């Protein structure tokens, strides 16, 4: 049987990666002279390309990544349990 994925650590890992990516992308855009609303402002309500927006994106990105990682681990573990039960039922019924 494959090992289960722990939801909380996966949530933290994906949350940190997403938060860092949004923060870094915002800083790069700021250094290039961009500012104002961005596409991500449609996904994250308080995000914009600005220095405060970079930190807001950091927080909102972490929350989004954390929740997504926990859901991903839950779905993986549920699928793993379901497939292992299906496999066990077929071998017992033969």
Foldseek 3Di string as FASTA:
>chain_A
DDDADDLQVQLQVQLQVQLVVLLVVLVVCVVVPDWFADPCCVVQVPAISDVVNSVSSSVVSSVVSSVVSNVVRVVVVVVVVVVVVVVVVVVVVD
